[in-house]
């Protein structure tokens, strides 16, 4: 990624943003590409057509090589007793009720066969879920993140991914946000501190050379 010069000047490449690269056993995590987020007509949604297209490409490659794939959704009980203070901070989250179409993965990137949809309640895909157990069981050393939103669930998951010891890869064109400013700012921060911000093409190229 190309960052503004005045920002780059404060982050010497010898001290920040060193590439970690992909390891031997990558997994793809498709974060919250559910109808409530992919439909621009909802309170939570926006037009993420490009993100869906790039995620489709990643899914095809990971499926072709039978590498681990996971999806997440975020959904709450009717009482919202499981939503904590999150729902007070973001009242629009009331759209995300368990068992509704709003929290189903968008058909354009829907899971197939035994691909799991991990239910979460907060931003990080690790918090309060069994994702860590799944990754350990499947001997994963690298987590490739796709989905939404860059400033929310992608960033939180990237931070936790690093903290759990995984190489963390974020294809910039396979993640999205409701506004360009938060999207770019959080990609910069992820690339500087938590993982590698790359392109979908570069991930696919790496996978094709390791078939």
C-alpha atoms as a PDB file:
ATOM      1  CA  UNK A   1       0.000   0.000   0.000  1.00  0.00           C
ATOM      2  CA  UNK A   2       1.073   3.585  -0.655  1.00  0.00           C
ATOM      3  CA  UNK A   3       0.705   5.828   2.385  1.00  0.00           C
ATOM      4  CA  UNK A   4       0.940   9.656   2.550  1.00  0.00           C
ATOM      5  CA  UNK A   5       4.543  10.830   2.913  1.00  0.00           C
ATOM      6  CA  UNK A   6       3.861  12.843   6.066  1.00  0.00           C
ATOM      7  CA  UNK A   7       2.600   9.679   7.786  1.00  0.00           C
ATOM      8  CA  UNK A   8       5.347   7.422   6.481  1.00  0.00           C
ATOM      9  CA  UNK A   9       7.940   9.842   7.844  1.00  0.00           C
ATOM     10  CA  UNK A  10       6.974   8.947  11.417  1.00  0.00           C
ATOM     11  CA  UNK A  11       7.130   5.188  10.847  1.00  0.00           C
ATOM     12  CA  UNK A  12      10.634   4.143   9.875  1.00  0.00           C
ATOM     13  CA  UNK A  13      10.371   0.872   7.969  1.00  0.00           C
ATOM     14  CA  UNK A  14      13.147  -0.574  10.114  1.00  0.00           C
ATOM     15  CA  UNK A  15      11.064  -0.013  13.251  1.00  0.00           C
ATOM     16  CA  UNK A  16       7.469  -0.417  12.024  1.00  0.00           C
ATOM     17  CA  UNK A  17       5.699  -2.405   9.355  1.00  0.00           C
ATOM     18  CA  UNK A  18       8.151  -5.238   8.693  1.00  0.00           C
ATOM     19  CA  UNK A  19       6.517  -7.957   6.602  1.00  0.00           C
ATOM     20  CA  UNK A  20       5.733 -11.257   8.346  1.00  0.00           C
ATOM     21  CA  UNK A  21       4.572 -13.080   5.213  1.00  0.00           C
ATOM     22  CA  UNK A  22       2.400 -16.159   4.870  1.00  0.00           C
ATOM     23  CA  UNK A  23       3.367 -19.322   6.699  1.00  0.00           C
ATOM     24  CA  UNK A  24       2.959 -22.981   5.766  1.00  0.00           C
ATOM     25  CA  UNK A  25      -0.680 -23.435   6.772  1.00  0.00           C
ATOM     26  CA  UNK A  26      -2.884 -20.393   6.081  1.00  0.00           C
ATOM     27  CA  UNK A  27      -6.592 -20.195   6.845  1.00  0.00           C
ATOM     28  CA  UNK A  28      -9.154 -17.769   5.430  1.00  0.00           C
ATOM     29  CA  UNK A  29     -11.493 -15.991   7.829  1.00  0.00           C
ATOM     30  CA  UNK A  30     -14.466 -14.257   6.192  1.00  0.00           C
ATOM     31  CA  UNK A  31     -15.602 -11.700   8.749  1.00  0.00           C
ATOM     32  CA  UNK A  32     -19.247 -10.610   8.971  1.00  0.00           C
ATOM     33  CA  UNK A  33     -20.170 -10.574   5.288  1.00  0.00           C
ATOM     34  CA  UNK A  34     -23.772 -10.988   6.399  1.00  0.00           C
ATOM     35  CA  UNK A  35     -26.849  -9.429   4.827  1.00  0.00           C
ATOM     36  CA  UNK A  36     -27.135  -6.676   7.421  1.00  0.00           C
ATOM     37  CA  UNK A  37     -23.682  -5.415   6.442  1.00  0.00           C
ATOM     38  CA  UNK A  38     -23.738  -6.062   2.689  1.00  0.00           C
ATOM     39  CA  UNK A  39     -27.145  -4.511   1.978  1.00  0.00           C
ATOM     40  CA  UNK A  40     -26.774  -0.725   1.580  1.00  0.00           C
ATOM     41  CA  UNK A  41     -30.443  -0.271   2.516  1.00  0.00           C
ATOM     42  CA  UNK A  42     -29.955  -1.403   6.122  1.00  0.00           C
ATOM     43  CA  UNK A  43     -28.804   0.832   8.975  1.00  0.00           C
ATOM     44  CA  UNK A  44     -25.583  -1.156   9.261  1.00  0.00           C
ATOM     45  CA  UNK A  45     -24.940  -1.812   5.584  1.00  0.00           C
ATOM     46  CA  UNK A  46     -22.954  -0.258   2.759  1.00  0.00           C
ATOM     47  CA  UNK A  47     -21.990  -1.099  -0.807  1.00  0.00           C
ATOM     48  CA  UNK A  48     -19.192  -3.650  -0.460  1.00  0.00           C
ATOM     49  CA  UNK A  49     -19.530  -5.230  -3.897  1.00  0.00           C
ATOM     50  CA  UNK A  50     -15.773  -5.105  -4.480  1.00  0.00           C
ATOM     51  CA  UNK A  51     -15.087  -6.779  -1.129  1.00  0.00           C
ATOM     52  CA  UNK A  52     -17.501  -9.581  -1.987  1.00  0.00           C
ATOM     53  CA  UNK A  53     -15.875 -10.098  -5.380  1.00  0.00           C
ATOM     54  CA  UNK A  54     -12.368 -10.347  -3.946  1.00  0.00           C
ATOM     55  CA  UNK A  55     -13.588 -12.616  -1.146  1.00  0.00           C
ATOM     56  CA  UNK A  56     -15.113 -14.934  -3.756  1.00  0.00           C
ATOM     57  CA  UNK A  57     -11.702 -15.219  -5.396  1.00  0.00           C
ATOM     58  CA  UNK A  58     -10.018 -15.992  -2.087  1.00  0.00           C
ATOM     59  CA  UNK A  59     -12.626 -18.596  -1.204  1.00  0.00           C
ATOM     60  CA  UNK A  60     -12.193 -20.309  -4.561  1.00  0.00           C
ATOM     61  CA  UNK A  61      -8.427 -20.556  -4.081  1.00  0.00           C
ATOM     62  CA  UNK A  62      -8.624 -21.801  -0.486  1.00  0.00           C
ATOM     63  CA  UNK A  63     -11.286 -24.343  -1.462  1.00  0.00           C
ATOM     64  CA  UNK A  64      -9.226 -25.508  -4.416  1.00  0.00           C
ATOM     65  CA  UNK A  65      -6.311 -26.274  -2.098  1.00  0.00           C
ATOM     66  CA  UNK A  66      -8.525 -27.562   0.716  1.00  0.00           C
ATOM     67  CA  UNK A  67      -7.115 -25.002   3.138  1.00  0.00           C
ATOM     68  CA  UNK A  68      -9.190 -24.098   6.222  1.00  0.00           C
ATOM     69  CA  UNK A  69     -12.030 -21.595   5.733  1.00  0.00           C
ATOM     70  CA  UNK A  70     -14.178 -20.006   8.405  1.00  0.00           C
ATOM     71  CA  UNK A  71     -16.951 -17.422   8.460  1.00  0.00           C
ATOM     72  CA  UNK A  72     -18.249 -15.223  11.246  1.00  0.00           C
ATOM     73  CA  UNK A  73     -21.583 -13.637  11.983  1.00  0.00           C
ATOM     74  CA  UNK A  74     -22.651 -11.453  14.868  1.00  0.00           C
ATOM     75  CA  UNK A  75     -26.125 -11.992  16.311  1.00  0.00           C
ATOM     76  CA  UNK A  76     -28.002 -11.419  19.543  1.00  0.00           C
ATOM     77  CA  UNK A  77     -30.862 -12.994  21.438  1.00  0.00           C
ATOM     78  CA  UNK A  78     -34.257 -11.290  21.415  1.00  0.00           C
ATOM     79  CA  UNK A  79     -33.632  -9.909  24.908  1.00  0.00           C
ATOM     80  CA  UNK A  80     -30.255  -8.446  23.862  1.00  0.00           C
ATOM     81  CA  UNK A  81     -28.980  -9.640  27.222  1.00  0.00           C
ATOM     82  CA  UNK A  82     -25.931 -11.011  25.399  1.00  0.00           C
ATOM     83  CA  UNK A  83     -25.127  -7.650  23.791  1.00  0.00           C
ATOM     84  CA  UNK A  84     -23.777  -5.901  26.879  1.00  0.00           C
ATOM     85  CA  UNK A  85     -22.846  -2.247  26.493  1.00  0.00           C
ATOM     86  CA  UNK A  86     -22.139  -2.796  22.801  1.00  0.00           C
ATOM     87  CA  UNK A  87     -25.792  -2.289  21.911  1.00  0.00           C
ATOM     88  CA  UNK A  88     -25.937   0.892  23.976  1.00  0.00           C
ATOM     89  CA  UNK A  89     -22.996   2.310  22.070  1.00  0.00           C
ATOM     90  CA  UNK A  90     -24.306   1.152  18.668  1.00  0.00           C
ATOM     91  CA  UNK A  91     -28.144   0.933  18.768  1.00  0.00           C
ATOM     92  CA  UNK A  92     -28.196  -0.097  15.095  1.00  0.00           C
ATOM     93  CA  UNK A  93     -26.937  -3.511  16.251  1.00  0.00           C
ATOM     94  CA  UNK A  94     -30.544  -4.273  17.200  1.00  0.00           C
ATOM     95  CA  UNK A  95     -30.960  -5.381  13.589  1.00  0.00           C
ATOM     96  CA  UNK A  96     -28.779  -8.392  14.337  1.00  0.00           C
ATOM     97  CA  UNK A  97     -31.215 -10.890  15.823  1.00  0.00           C
ATOM     98  CA  UNK A  98     -30.460 -14.603  15.965  1.00  0.00           C
ATOM     99  CA  UNK A  99     -32.331 -16.666  13.389  1.00  0.00           C
ATOM    100  CA  UNK A 100     -33.089 -13.802  10.990  1.00  0.00           C
ATOM    101  CA  UNK A 101     -31.924 -13.289   7.415  1.00  0.00           C
ATOM    102  CA  UNK A 102     -30.057 -10.187   8.547  1.00  0.00           C
ATOM    103  CA  UNK A 103     -27.382 -12.322  10.217  1.00  0.00           C
ATOM    104  CA  UNK A 104     -27.089 -14.939   7.457  1.00  0.00           C
ATOM    105  CA  UNK A 105     -23.935 -14.899   5.316  1.00  0.00           C
ATOM    106  CA  UNK A 106     -24.542 -13.163   1.980  1.00  0.00           C
ATOM    107  CA  UNK A 107     -25.410 -15.736  -0.705  1.00  0.00           C
ATOM    108  CA  UNK A 108     -22.602 -14.428  -2.904  1.00  0.00           C
ATOM    109  CA  UNK A 109     -20.016 -15.825  -0.483  1.00  0.00           C
ATOM    110  CA  UNK A 110     -22.119 -18.411   1.313  1.00  0.00           C
ATOM    111  CA  UNK A 111     -20.429 -21.314   3.124  1.00  0.00           C
ATOM    112  CA  UNK A 112     -20.479 -24.721   1.457  1.00  0.00           C
ATOM    113  CA  UNK A 113     -20.220 -28.265   2.786  1.00  0.00           C
ATOM    114  CA  UNK A 114     -18.665 -28.285   6.278  1.00  0.00           C
ATOM    115  CA  UNK A 115     -17.439 -24.675   6.346  1.00  0.00           C
ATOM    116  CA  UNK A 116     -18.293 -23.272   9.768  1.00  0.00           C
ATOM    117  CA  UNK A 117     -20.012 -20.020  10.644  1.00  0.00           C
ATOM    118  CA  UNK A 118     -18.691 -18.890  14.014  1.00  0.00           C
ATOM    119  CA  UNK A 119     -21.139 -16.875  16.101  1.00  0.00           C
ATOM    120  CA  UNK A 120     -19.658 -13.888  17.887  1.00  0.00           C
ATOM    121  CA  UNK A 121     -21.095 -11.085  19.981  1.00  0.00           C
ATOM    122  CA  UNK A 122     -18.378  -8.457  19.756  1.00  0.00           C
ATOM    123  CA  UNK A 123     -15.830  -7.141  17.282  1.00  0.00           C
ATOM    124  CA  UNK A 124     -13.046  -9.716  17.473  1.00  0.00           C
ATOM    125  CA  UNK A 125     -13.629 -13.162  15.997  1.00  0.00           C
ATOM    126  CA  UNK A 126     -11.571 -14.544  18.900  1.00  0.00           C
ATOM    127  CA  UNK A 127     -13.486 -12.968  21.793  1.00  0.00           C
ATOM    128  CA  UNK A 128     -15.868 -15.460  23.411  1.00  0.00           C
ATOM    129  CA  UNK A 129     -15.653 -17.969  20.533  1.00  0.00           C
ATOM    130  CA  UNK A 130     -13.915 -21.288  19.839  1.00  0.00           C
ATOM    131  CA  UNK A 131     -11.954 -19.941  16.862  1.00  0.00           C
ATOM    132  CA  UNK A 132      -8.622 -20.480  18.616  1.00  0.00           C
ATOM    133  CA  UNK A 133      -9.466 -24.169  19.167  1.00  0.00           C
ATOM    134  CA  UNK A 134     -10.406 -24.583  15.503  1.00  0.00           C
ATOM    135  CA  UNK A 135      -7.164 -23.010  14.314  1.00  0.00           C
ATOM    136  CA  UNK A 136      -5.063 -25.122  16.657  1.00  0.00           C
ATOM    137  CA  UNK A 137      -6.853 -28.309  15.590  1.00  0.00           C
ATOM    138  CA  UNK A 138      -6.170 -27.508  11.948  1.00  0.00           C
ATOM    139  CA  UNK A 139      -2.508 -26.566  12.598  1.00  0.00           C
ATOM    140  CA  UNK A 140      -3.025 -23.059  11.198  1.00  0.00           C
ATOM    141  CA  UNK A 141      -0.094 -20.624  11.401  1.00  0.00           C
ATOM    142  CA  UNK A 142      -1.440 -17.776   9.247  1.00  0.00           C
ATOM    143  CA  UNK A 143      -4.806 -16.006   9.237  1.00  0.00           C
ATOM    144  CA  UNK A 144      -5.970 -14.214   6.082  1.00  0.00           C
ATOM    145  CA  UNK A 145      -8.806 -11.795   6.850  1.00  0.00           C
ATOM    146  CA  UNK A 146     -11.548 -10.691   4.463  1.00  0.00           C
ATOM    147  CA  UNK A 147     -14.808  -8.889   5.159  1.00  0.00           C
ATOM    148  CA  UNK A 148     -16.081  -5.917   7.145  1.00  0.00           C
ATOM    149  CA  UNK A 149     -15.555  -3.497   8.688  1.00  0.00           C
ATOM    150  CA  UNK A 150     -11.924  -2.497   8.452  1.00  0.00           C
ATOM    151  CA  UNK A 151     -12.139  -0.146  11.429  1.00  0.00           C
ATOM    152  CA  UNK A 152     -14.192  -2.538  13.554  1.00  0.00           C
ATOM    153  CA  UNK A 153     -14.208  -6.302  13.337  1.00  0.00           C
ATOM    154  CA  UNK A 154     -11.277  -6.618  10.920  1.00  0.00           C
ATOM    155  CA  UNK A 155      -8.995  -4.478  13.057  1.00  0.00           C
ATOM    156  CA  UNK A 156     -10.064  -6.136  16.315  1.00  0.00           C
ATOM    157  CA  UNK A 157      -9.559  -9.595  14.835  1.00  0.00           C
ATOM    158  CA  UNK A 158      -6.173  -8.619  13.379  1.00  0.00           C
ATOM    159  CA  UNK A 159      -4.974  -7.414  16.792  1.00  0.00           C
ATOM    160  CA  UNK A 160      -6.152 -10.620  18.499  1.00  0.00           C
ATOM    161  CA  UNK A 161      -4.706 -12.749  15.701  1.00  0.00           C
ATOM    162  CA  UNK A 162      -1.275 -11.267  16.354  1.00  0.00           C
ATOM    163  CA  UNK A 163      -1.731 -11.677  20.099  1.00  0.00           C
ATOM    164  CA  UNK A 164      -2.572 -15.351  19.608  1.00  0.00           C
ATOM    165  CA  UNK A 165       0.638 -15.859  17.660  1.00  0.00           C
ATOM    166  CA  UNK A 166      -0.605 -15.982  14.062  1.00  0.00           C
ATOM    167  CA  UNK A 167       0.880 -14.388  10.996  1.00  0.00           C
ATOM    168  CA  UNK A 168      -1.860 -11.974  10.016  1.00  0.00           C
ATOM    169  CA  UNK A 169      -2.599 -11.024   6.414  1.00  0.00           C
ATOM    170  CA  UNK A 170      -5.174  -8.415   5.340  1.00  0.00           C
ATOM    171  CA  UNK A 171      -5.807  -8.017   1.592  1.00  0.00           C
ATOM    172  CA  UNK A 172      -6.805  -4.353   1.379  1.00  0.00           C
ATOM    173  CA  UNK A 173      -9.202  -4.910  -1.517  1.00  0.00           C
ATOM    174  CA  UNK A 174     -10.990  -7.759   0.301  1.00  0.00           C
ATOM    175  CA  UNK A 175     -11.960  -5.669   3.336  1.00  0.00           C
ATOM    176  CA  UNK A 176     -14.169  -2.618   3.495  1.00  0.00           C
ATOM    177  CA  UNK A 177     -15.768   0.053   5.645  1.00  0.00           C
ATOM    178  CA  UNK A 178     -18.592   2.571   5.523  1.00  0.00           C
ATOM    179  CA  UNK A 179     -16.195   5.440   4.777  1.00  0.00           C
ATOM    180  CA  UNK A 180     -12.807   5.715   3.103  1.00  0.00           C
ATOM    181  CA  UNK A 181     -11.128   7.617   5.950  1.00  0.00           C
ATOM    182  CA  UNK A 182     -11.545   4.949   8.660  1.00  0.00           C
ATOM    183  CA  UNK A 183     -10.771   2.244   6.088  1.00  0.00           C
ATOM    184  CA  UNK A 184      -7.420   3.703   5.107  1.00  0.00           C
ATOM    185  CA  UNK A 185      -6.445   4.796   8.616  1.00  0.00           C
ATOM    186  CA  UNK A 186      -7.002   1.324  10.021  1.00  0.00           C
ATOM    187  CA  UNK A 187      -5.248  -0.412   7.146  1.00  0.00           C
ATOM    188  CA  UNK A 188      -2.249   1.802   7.855  1.00  0.00           C
ATOM    189  CA  UNK A 189      -2.309   0.934  11.537  1.00  0.00           C
ATOM    190  CA  UNK A 190      -2.694  -2.806  10.886  1.00  0.00           C
ATOM    191  CA  UNK A 191       0.205  -2.743   8.442  1.00  0.00           C
ATOM    192  CA  UNK A 192       2.410  -0.806  10.858  1.00  0.00           C
ATOM    193  CA  UNK A 193       1.781  -2.924  13.938  1.00  0.00           C
ATOM    194  CA  UNK A 194      -0.298  -6.064  13.571  1.00  0.00           C
ATOM    195  CA  UNK A 195      -0.064  -7.748  10.173  1.00  0.00           C
ATOM    196  CA  UNK A 196       0.693  -7.421   6.486  1.00  0.00           C
ATOM    197  CA  UNK A 197      -1.659  -5.319   4.351  1.00  0.00           C
ATOM    198  CA  UNK A 198      -1.378  -6.728   0.843  1.00  0.00           C
ATOM    199  CA  UNK A 199      -3.600  -7.350  -2.191  1.00  0.00           C
ATOM    200  CA  UNK A 200      -5.821 -10.286  -3.042  1.00  0.00           C
ATOM    201  CA  UNK A 201      -3.659 -10.900  -6.113  1.00  0.00           C
ATOM    202  CA  UNK A 202      -0.553 -11.288  -3.964  1.00  0.00           C
ATOM    203  CA  UNK A 203      -2.249 -13.829  -1.705  1.00  0.00           C
ATOM    204  CA  UNK A 204      -3.469 -15.814  -4.712  1.00  0.00           C
ATOM    205  CA  UNK A 205      -0.019 -15.707  -6.279  1.00  0.00           C
ATOM    206  CA  UNK A 206       1.531 -17.061  -3.074  1.00  0.00           C
ATOM    207  CA  UNK A 207      -1.010 -19.867  -2.913  1.00  0.00           C
ATOM    208  CA  UNK A 208      -0.497 -20.815  -6.555  1.00  0.00           C
ATOM    209  CA  UNK A 209       3.268 -21.122  -6.095  1.00  0.00           C
ATOM    210  CA  UNK A 210       2.794 -23.403  -3.099  1.00  0.00           C
ATOM    211  CA  UNK A 211       0.358 -25.888  -4.652  1.00  0.00           C
END
